[in-house]
Amino acid sequence: MPTLIESLYYGHLAPEGQVVPRDPEYRQMCGEMSEAMEAWKEKLSGEEFTKLEALIDLQQEIQGLELTATFTYGFKLGAALMIEVHSGYGAEGQLLSQRADEG
């Protein structure tokens, strides 16, 4: 079994493709979205529906950028926490054990 570092190097890690919410509400909302799109497809002209699809695609691209930024921030935060835990130092450079003694 490859290590995480090897998987990262070979491009086998793709979190965006692995994370699908298991919350039943997610599936329900996806179904509602599909039904709504079908209803709009029947109500709008072909050109209008194409514009609606383009708008939804743009919103999904924006959400993708937001998810990327959130993932990056969370990853950096997790790494910083591990460094702090491993080193025993907080953000101000003081030993965490000294803070516990002061409290």
Protein backbone atom coordinates (compact mmCIF):
# COMPACT_ATOMS: atom_id res chain seq x y z
CA MET A 1 0.00 0.00 0.00
CA PRO A 2 1.51 3.36 -0.99
CA THR A 3 2.14 6.02 1.62
CA LEU A 4 0.19 9.28 1.58
CA ILE A 5 3.27 11.05 0.23
CA GLU A 6 3.59 8.54 -2.62
CA SER A 7 -0.11 8.82 -3.39
CA LEU A 8 0.21 12.60 -3.47
CA TYR A 9 3.27 12.41 -5.74
CA TYR A 10 1.61 10.06 -8.22
CA GLY A 11 -1.58 12.11 -8.31
CA HIS A 12 -3.75 9.46 -6.68
CA LEU A 13 -5.14 11.81 -4.05
CA ALA A 14 -8.18 13.71 -5.24
CA PRO A 15 -10.23 14.78 -2.20
CA GLU A 16 -12.73 16.71 -4.29
CA GLY A 17 -13.79 13.49 -6.00
CA GLN A 18 -13.93 11.44 -2.82
CA VAL A 19 -16.10 13.61 -0.63
CA VAL A 20 -19.82 13.15 -1.12
CA PRO A 21 -22.02 14.05 1.84
CA ARG A 22 -23.79 11.06 3.37
CA ASP A 23 -26.42 13.26 4.93
CA PRO A 24 -29.87 12.20 3.67
CA GLU A 25 -30.73 15.88 3.31
CA TYR A 26 -28.02 16.15 0.63
CA ARG A 27 -29.65 13.48 -1.53
CA GLN A 28 -33.05 15.04 -1.00
CA MET A 29 -31.78 18.46 -2.06
CA CYS A 30 -30.12 16.97 -5.15
CA GLY A 31 -33.43 15.40 -6.11
CA GLU A 32 -35.23 18.69 -5.59
CA MET A 33 -32.66 20.45 -7.76
CA SER A 34 -33.14 17.92 -10.56
CA GLU A 35 -36.92 18.28 -10.39
CA ALA A 36 -36.66 22.07 -10.41
CA MET A 37 -34.35 22.01 -13.44
CA GLU A 38 -36.81 19.80 -15.32
CA ALA A 39 -39.65 22.18 -14.44
CA TRP A 40 -37.65 25.19 -15.66
CA LYS A 41 -36.70 23.34 -18.83
CA GLU A 42 -40.40 22.94 -19.63
CA LYS A 43 -41.24 26.58 -18.82
CA LEU A 44 -38.36 28.36 -20.54
CA SER A 45 -37.43 28.62 -24.18
CA GLY A 46 -34.35 26.70 -25.29
CA GLU A 47 -32.26 29.87 -25.30
CA GLU A 48 -33.47 30.94 -21.86
CA PHE A 49 -32.80 27.50 -20.40
CA THR A 50 -29.29 27.53 -21.87
CA LYS A 51 -28.67 30.86 -20.13
CA LEU A 52 -29.98 29.41 -16.85
CA GLU A 53 -27.61 26.44 -17.20
CA ALA A 54 -24.71 28.83 -17.86
CA LEU A 55 -25.59 30.77 -14.71
CA ILE A 56 -25.71 27.58 -12.65
CA ASP A 57 -22.37 26.47 -14.13
CA LEU A 58 -20.85 29.81 -13.14
CA GLN A 59 -22.18 29.39 -9.59
CA GLN A 60 -20.65 25.91 -9.42
CA GLU A 61 -17.29 27.28 -10.55
CA ILE A 62 -17.47 29.92 -7.81
CA GLN A 63 -18.31 27.23 -5.25
CA GLY A 64 -15.36 25.18 -6.50
CA LEU A 65 -13.01 28.10 -5.85
CA GLU A 66 -14.51 28.56 -2.39
CA LEU A 67 -14.10 24.85 -1.61
CA THR A 68 -10.48 24.95 -2.77
CA ALA A 69 -9.75 27.94 -0.53
CA THR A 70 -11.49 26.27 2.42
CA PHE A 71 -9.60 23.00 1.90
CA THR A 72 -6.29 24.85 1.62
CA TYR A 73 -6.96 26.85 4.79
CA GLY A 74 -8.04 23.74 6.70
CA PHE A 75 -4.98 21.81 5.55
CA LYS A 76 -2.64 24.62 6.59
CA LEU A 77 -4.42 24.98 9.92
CA GLY A 78 -4.13 21.24 10.57
CA ALA A 79 -0.43 21.29 9.70
CA ALA A 80 0.15 24.30 11.97
CA LEU A 81 -1.66 22.51 14.81
CA MET A 82 0.53 19.43 14.37
CA ILE A 83 3.68 21.57 14.38
CA GLU A 84 2.52 23.30 17.55
CA VAL A 85 1.66 19.99 19.23
CA HIS A 86 4.92 18.38 18.17
CA SER A 87 7.16 21.31 19.11
CA GLY A 88 5.38 22.25 22.32
CA TYR A 89 5.35 25.89 21.27
CA GLY A 90 2.34 28.11 20.70
CA ALA A 91 1.98 30.84 18.13
CA GLU A 92 3.75 33.34 20.39
CA GLY A 93 6.78 31.07 20.75
CA GLN A 94 6.12 30.22 24.39
CA LEU A 95 6.18 26.70 25.67
CA LEU A 96 2.68 25.37 26.07
CA SER A 97 3.70 23.77 29.35
CA GLN A 98 4.61 27.23 30.72
CA ARG A 99 1.14 28.48 29.86
CA ALA A 100 -0.41 25.57 31.73
CA ASP A 101 1.72 26.40 34.80
CA GLU A 102 0.63 30.04 34.67
CA GLY A 103 -3.11 29.22 34.40
